[in-house]
N, C-alpha and C. Protein backbone atom coordinates (compact mmCIF):
# COMPACT_ATOMS: atom_id res chain seq x y z
N MET A 1 -13.21 5.13 -10.62
CA MET A 1 -11.80 4.56 -10.48
C MET A 1 -11.73 3.23 -11.19
N SER A 2 -10.88 3.06 -11.93
CA SER A 2 -10.77 1.71 -12.64
C SER A 2 -10.31 0.60 -11.89
N ILE A 3 -10.65 -0.51 -12.14
CA ILE A 3 -10.37 -1.82 -11.38
C ILE A 3 -8.83 -1.85 -11.44
N GLY A 4 -8.13 -1.52 -12.54
CA GLY A 4 -6.77 -1.65 -12.77
C GLY A 4 -6.02 -0.80 -11.62
N ASP A 5 -6.52 0.48 -11.37
CA ASP A 5 -5.90 1.28 -10.32
C ASP A 5 -6.08 0.75 -8.93
N LYS A 6 -7.29 0.11 -8.67
CA LYS A 6 -7.43 -0.49 -7.45
C LYS A 6 -6.57 -1.72 -7.19
N ALA A 7 -6.31 -2.52 -8.23
CA ALA A 7 -5.52 -3.65 -8.20
C ALA A 7 -3.99 -3.23 -7.90
N LYS A 8 -3.69 -2.09 -8.53
CA LYS A 8 -2.25 -1.65 -8.50
C LYS A 8 -2.04 -1.16 -7.17
N HIS A 9 -3.08 -0.49 -6.52
CA HIS A 9 -2.91 -0.05 -5.01
C HIS A 9 -2.73 -1.21 -4.14
N LEU A 10 -3.65 -2.27 -4.43
CA LEU A 10 -3.52 -3.41 -3.46
C LEU A 10 -2.11 -4.11 -3.65
N ALA A 11 -1.59 -4.21 -4.82
CA ALA A 11 -0.37 -4.73 -5.09
C ALA A 11 0.91 -3.97 -4.36
N GLU A 12 0.64 -2.57 -4.43
CA GLU A 12 1.58 -1.74 -3.72
C GLU A 12 1.62 -2.04 -2.23
N GLU A 13 0.35 -2.20 -1.63
CA GLU A 13 0.29 -2.63 -0.14
C GLU A 13 0.90 -3.87 0.15
N ALA A 14 0.66 -4.82 -0.78
CA ALA A 14 1.24 -6.17 -0.52
C ALA A 14 2.76 -6.10 -0.70
N ALA A 15 3.27 -5.36 -1.54
CA ALA A 15 4.76 -5.22 -1.73
C ALA A 15 5.30 -4.62 -0.39
N GLY A 16 4.55 -3.59 0.11
CA GLY A 16 5.12 -2.93 1.40
C GLY A 16 5.10 -3.91 2.53
N LYS A 17 4.10 -4.81 2.55
CA LYS A 17 4.10 -5.85 3.68
C LYS A 17 5.27 -6.77 3.45
N VAL A 18 5.65 -7.12 2.20
CA VAL A 18 6.68 -8.07 2.01
C VAL A 18 7.98 -7.41 2.41
N LYS A 19 8.08 -6.14 2.04
CA LYS A 19 9.32 -5.33 2.30
C LYS A 19 9.47 -5.24 3.90
N GLU A 20 8.28 -4.96 4.53
CA GLU A 20 8.41 -4.85 5.93
C GLU A 20 8.82 -6.15 6.63
N ALA A 21 8.20 -7.24 6.22
CA ALA A 21 8.50 -8.53 6.76
C ALA A 21 10.08 -8.94 6.54
N THR A 22 10.49 -8.58 5.36
CA THR A 22 11.90 -8.85 5.03
C THR A 22 12.81 -8.07 5.92
N GLY A 23 12.42 -6.75 6.18
CA GLY A 23 13.22 -5.89 7.03
C GLY A 23 13.27 -6.46 8.44
N LYS A 24 12.12 -6.94 8.98
CA LYS A 24 12.04 -7.57 10.25
C LYS A 24 12.97 -8.81 10.41
N ALA A 25 12.78 -9.64 9.32
CA ALA A 25 13.50 -10.91 9.34
C ALA A 25 15.07 -10.80 9.32
N SER A 26 15.44 -9.64 8.50
CA SER A 26 16.89 -9.49 8.43
C SER A 26 17.43 -8.35 9.41
N ASP A 27 16.52 -8.00 10.19
CA ASP A 27 16.76 -7.01 11.24
C ASP A 27 17.41 -5.67 10.69
N ASP A 28 16.67 -5.29 9.53
CA ASP A 28 17.08 -4.07 8.71
C ASP A 28 15.91 -3.10 9.07
N GLU A 29 16.13 -2.19 9.92
CA GLU A 29 15.12 -1.23 10.31
C GLU A 29 14.77 -0.28 9.25
N LYS A 30 15.70 0.14 8.32
CA LYS A 30 15.44 1.03 7.31
C LYS A 30 14.53 0.27 6.37
N LEU A 31 14.75 -0.92 5.88
CA LEU A 31 13.84 -1.60 5.03
C LEU A 31 12.46 -1.92 5.62
N GLU A 32 12.50 -2.07 6.94
CA GLU A 32 11.14 -2.27 7.46
C GLU A 32 10.36 -1.02 7.56
N ALA A 33 10.95 0.11 7.86
CA ALA A 33 10.36 1.51 7.72
C ALA A 33 9.84 1.80 6.39
N GLU A 34 10.59 1.38 5.37
CA GLU A 34 10.20 1.65 4.01
C GLU A 34 8.96 0.90 3.69
N GLY A 35 8.88 -0.31 4.11
CA GLY A 35 7.67 -1.24 3.83
C GLY A 35 6.54 -0.58 4.58
N GLN A 36 6.62 -0.11 5.85
CA GLN A 36 5.56 0.49 6.42
C GLN A 36 5.12 1.84 5.68
N ALA A 37 6.02 2.67 5.14
CA ALA A 37 5.75 3.72 4.50
C ALA A 37 4.94 3.52 3.21
N ASP A 38 5.42 2.39 2.36
CA ASP A 38 4.85 1.97 1.27
C ASP A 38 3.38 1.66 1.46
N GLN A 39 3.09 0.78 2.58
CA GLN A 39 1.76 0.55 2.98
C GLN A 39 0.94 1.68 3.20
N SER A 40 1.47 2.58 3.97
CA SER A 40 0.68 3.85 4.31
C SER A 40 0.28 4.60 3.05
N LYS A 41 1.24 4.70 2.08
CA LYS A 41 0.96 5.30 0.77
C LYS A 41 -0.24 4.64 0.10
N ALA A 42 -0.12 3.21 -0.02
CA ALA A 42 -1.07 2.45 -0.66
C ALA A 42 -2.51 2.60 0.08
N ASN A 43 -2.43 2.65 1.36
CA ASN A 43 -3.81 2.78 1.95
C ASN A 43 -4.35 4.28 1.82
N PHE A 44 -3.61 5.22 1.67
CA PHE A 44 -4.09 6.47 1.36
C PHE A 44 -4.60 6.45 -0.01
N LYS A 45 -3.92 5.81 -0.93
CA LYS A 45 -4.49 5.91 -2.23
C LYS A 45 -5.76 5.10 -2.30
N GLN A 46 -5.93 4.04 -1.59
CA GLN A 46 -7.13 3.22 -1.51
C GLN A 46 -8.32 4.02 -0.83
N ALA A 47 -7.97 4.84 0.11
CA ALA A 47 -9.04 5.75 0.77
C ALA A 47 -9.56 6.68 -0.36
N GLY A 48 -8.63 7.29 -1.20
CA GLY A 48 -9.02 8.25 -2.29
C GLY A 48 -9.79 7.45 -3.19
N ASP A 49 -9.56 6.25 -3.60
CA ASP A 49 -10.36 5.41 -4.47
C ASP A 49 -11.79 5.42 -3.95
N ASP A 50 -11.90 4.99 -2.56
CA ASP A 50 -13.29 4.87 -1.97
C ASP A 50 -14.06 6.19 -1.99
N VAL A 51 -13.40 7.28 -1.78
CA VAL A 51 -14.14 8.56 -1.91
C VAL A 51 -14.68 8.78 -3.21
N ARG A 52 -13.68 8.64 -4.22
CA ARG A 52 -14.24 8.84 -5.66
C ARG A 52 -15.32 7.94 -5.99
N ASP A 53 -15.41 6.71 -5.51
CA ASP A 53 -16.33 5.85 -5.80
C ASP A 53 -17.57 6.23 -5.07
N ALA A 54 -17.53 6.77 -3.95
CA ALA A 54 -18.69 7.17 -3.23
C ALA A 54 -19.37 8.35 -3.91
N PHE A 55 -18.59 9.27 -4.46
CA PHE A 55 -19.13 10.53 -5.29
C PHE A 55 -19.64 10.11 -6.67
N ASN A 56 -19.21 8.97 -7.14
CA ASN A 56 -19.60 8.59 -8.45
C ASN A 56 -20.90 7.81 -8.42
N LYS A 57 -21.50 7.48 -7.28
CA LYS A 57 -22.68 6.60 -7.22
C LYS A 57 -23.90 7.53 -7.34
């Protein structure tokens, strides 16, 4: 797994956290839920990265 992909997944997680925080601050439940979903997707991708790295060692 390339470092670029890992950085991209970390950026996706960070964007999800920002979106969630914005949703909480503005009382927008939909935006908050989207942020949580984005974080979950990014975490899933990061777990896949870890599995690939473990098999490549």
